[in-house]
Protein backbone atom coordinates (compact mmCIF):
# COMPACT_ATOMS: atom_id res chain seq x y z
CA UNK A 1 58.51 -17.86 58.01
CA UNK A 2 56.94 -16.82 61.37
CA UNK A 3 53.30 -17.78 61.89
CA UNK A 4 52.17 -14.15 62.24
CA UNK A 5 53.71 -13.30 58.86
CA UNK A 6 52.11 -16.35 57.23
CA UNK A 7 48.74 -15.30 58.67
CA UNK A 8 49.24 -11.77 57.34
CA UNK A 9 50.11 -13.08 53.87
CA UNK A 10 46.87 -15.11 53.82
CA UNK A 11 44.78 -11.96 54.25
CA UNK A 12 43.28 -10.21 51.25
CA UNK A 13 44.90 -7.00 50.00
CA UNK A 14 42.23 -4.79 51.58
CA UNK A 15 42.67 -6.55 54.92
CA UNK A 16 46.46 -6.27 54.67
CA UNK A 17 46.01 -2.55 54.02
CA UNK A 18 43.97 -2.15 57.21
CA UNK A 19 46.60 -4.01 59.25
CA UNK A 20 49.46 -1.93 57.81
CA UNK A 21 47.50 1.30 58.30
CA UNK A 22 46.86 0.32 61.93
CA UNK A 23 50.53 -0.57 62.45
CA UNK A 24 51.60 2.91 61.33
CA UNK A 25 48.88 4.68 63.31
CA UNK A 26 49.93 2.87 66.50
CA UNK A 27 53.37 4.47 66.15
CA UNK A 28 51.84 7.89 65.50
CA UNK A 29 49.50 7.65 68.50
CA UNK A 30 52.34 6.38 70.69
CA UNK A 31 54.30 9.53 69.86
CA UNK A 32 51.28 11.84 70.28
CA UNK A 33 50.21 10.46 73.66
CA UNK A 34 53.73 10.03 75.05
CA UNK A 35 55.44 13.20 73.90
CA UNK A 36 52.85 15.83 73.01
CA UNK A 37 50.75 17.81 75.48
CA UNK A 38 47.18 16.59 75.89
CA UNK A 39 45.78 19.91 74.64
CA UNK A 40 47.30 19.24 71.20
CA UNK A 41 45.59 15.87 70.59
CA UNK A 42 42.53 16.04 72.86
CA UNK A 43 40.15 17.11 70.09
CA UNK A 44 40.67 13.73 68.39
CA UNK A 45 38.95 12.07 71.36
CA UNK A 46 35.68 13.75 70.43
CA UNK A 47 36.14 14.08 66.68
CA UNK A 48 32.92 12.90 65.15
CA UNK A 49 31.65 13.14 61.61
CA UNK A 50 28.08 12.15 60.95
CA UNK A 51 27.92 9.49 58.27
CA UNK A 52 24.68 7.89 57.23
CA UNK A 53 24.22 5.10 59.77
CA UNK A 54 23.88 1.60 58.46
CA UNK A 55 21.91 -0.84 60.57
CA UNK A 56 24.80 -3.30 60.50
CA UNK A 57 27.66 -0.78 60.76
CA UNK A 58 28.67 -2.28 64.09
CA UNK A 59 29.21 -5.67 62.39
CA UNK A 60 31.53 -4.10 59.80
CA UNK A 61 33.27 -2.22 62.61
CA UNK A 62 33.86 -5.45 64.57
CA UNK A 63 35.51 -7.05 61.53
CA UNK A 64 37.76 -4.03 61.02
CA UNK A 65 38.66 -3.88 64.72
CA UNK A 66 39.54 -7.58 64.64
CA UNK A 67 42.21 -6.82 62.01
CA UNK A 68 43.48 -3.84 64.01
CA UNK A 69 43.79 -6.08 67.08
CA UNK A 70 46.08 -8.35 65.03
CA UNK A 71 48.37 -5.38 64.38
CA UNK A 72 48.28 -4.43 68.07
CA UNK A 73 49.20 -7.93 69.27
CA UNK A 74 52.30 -8.01 67.08
CA UNK A 75 53.49 -4.43 67.53
CA UNK A 76 56.76 -3.20 68.98
CA UNK A 77 55.12 -0.44 71.07
CA UNK A 78 52.99 -1.16 74.10
CA UNK A 79 49.34 -0.79 73.14
CA UNK A 80 46.89 0.22 75.84
CA UNK A 81 43.15 0.79 75.53
CA UNK A 82 43.47 4.50 74.65
CA UNK A 83 45.96 3.91 71.84
CA UNK A 84 43.89 0.99 70.58
CA UNK A 85 40.67 3.04 70.59
CA UNK A 86 42.21 6.06 68.90
CA UNK A 87 43.64 3.96 66.07
CA UNK A 88 40.36 2.07 65.65
CA UNK A 89 38.33 5.28 65.75
CA UNK A 90 40.54 6.85 63.07
CA UNK A 91 40.39 3.82 60.77
CA UNK A 92 36.63 3.41 61.24
CA UNK A 93 36.29 7.07 60.27
CA UNK A 94 38.11 6.35 56.98
CA UNK A 95 35.54 3.58 56.38
CA UNK A 96 32.70 6.06 57.06
CA UNK A 97 31.60 4.35 60.28
CA UNK A 98 30.44 6.55 63.18
CA UNK A 99 32.03 5.58 66.48
CA UNK A 100 32.04 7.08 69.93
CA UNK A 101 34.73 6.77 72.56
CA UNK A 102 33.47 5.65 75.95
CA UNK A 103 35.54 6.10 79.08
CA UNK A 104 34.80 4.30 82.32
CA UNK A 105 36.31 4.40 85.80
CA UNK A 106 36.39 2.03 88.75
CA UNK A 107 38.00 1.80 92.13
CA UNK A 108 40.40 -1.12 92.30
CA UNK A 109 42.21 -1.85 95.58
CA UNK A 110 41.83 1.76 96.67
CA UNK A 111 43.10 3.19 93.37
CA UNK A 112 41.14 4.73 90.53
CA UNK A 113 41.43 2.80 87.27
CA UNK A 114 40.19 3.94 83.88
CA UNK A 115 39.40 2.08 80.67
CA UNK A 116 38.06 3.07 77.26
CA UNK A 117 36.23 1.32 74.45
CA UNK A 118 34.38 2.18 71.26
CA UNK A 119 30.65 2.10 70.59
CA UNK A 120 28.95 1.90 67.18
CA UNK A 121 25.14 2.03 66.97
CA UNK A 122 24.98 1.46 70.75
CA UNK A 123 27.05 -1.74 70.43
CA UNK A 124 30.44 -2.12 72.09
CA UNK A 125 32.69 -3.17 69.23
CA UNK A 126 36.17 -3.64 70.64
CA UNK A 127 35.72 -5.03 74.13
CA UNK A 128 33.59 -7.47 76.07
CA UNK A 129 30.54 -6.64 78.14
CA UNK A 130 32.21 -8.47 81.03
CA UNK A 131 35.16 -6.09 80.95
CA UNK A 132 33.26 -2.84 80.38
CA UNK A 133 30.59 -3.66 82.99
CA UNK A 134 33.27 -3.40 85.69
CA UNK A 135 33.51 0.33 85.00
CA UNK A 136 31.15 3.22 85.59
CA UNK A 137 30.82 4.80 82.17
CA UNK A 138 31.29 8.53 82.01
CA UNK A 139 28.90 10.32 79.68
CA UNK A 140 29.78 9.93 76.02
CA UNK A 141 30.38 13.37 74.61
CA UNK A 142 29.18 13.93 71.08
CA UNK A 143 30.65 16.61 68.85
CA UNK A 144 27.58 18.87 69.39
CA UNK A 145 27.89 18.61 73.17
CA UNK A 146 31.60 19.37 72.94
CA UNK A 147 30.81 22.58 71.00
CA UNK A 148 28.26 23.54 73.65
CA UNK A 149 30.78 22.94 76.43
CA UNK A 150 33.38 25.06 74.60
CA UNK A 151 30.80 27.85 74.19
CA UNK A 152 30.02 27.78 77.90
CA UNK A 153 33.73 27.90 78.76
CA UNK A 154 34.01 31.07 76.71
CA UNK A 155 31.26 32.70 78.77
CA UNK A 156 32.74 31.79 82.16
């Protein structure tokens, strides 16, 4: 039996459920991002439901994201930061954890590079400070700000 399967079998049922859920969502997000126009799935980037914040929600989120990373490492589709963040954001939402998508940019050898990560209670949960500090973070857009922007677009 392969080591990855043995490791999976040693997880508890709840943890196995998170890994399997993530596995399926990676396929769904691969299809959405690759084949559907951005306008169809863009609202998911900013989707935000206000749950009652727990002081240690970021610790629970880190544990959940760790399991999702296991699914990503052993997946058949190529997982980049956007796919990883969208799956993690969706699963955290099912666990009633507020998360915000952060997008950063940098100039690397004359080219613009972008990267994204998730933040819970002002803690980066799925990336290192060393990695994210290389990027200039664009403003995080909350659901209220997104509604205000949409209202302004209607007036222009």
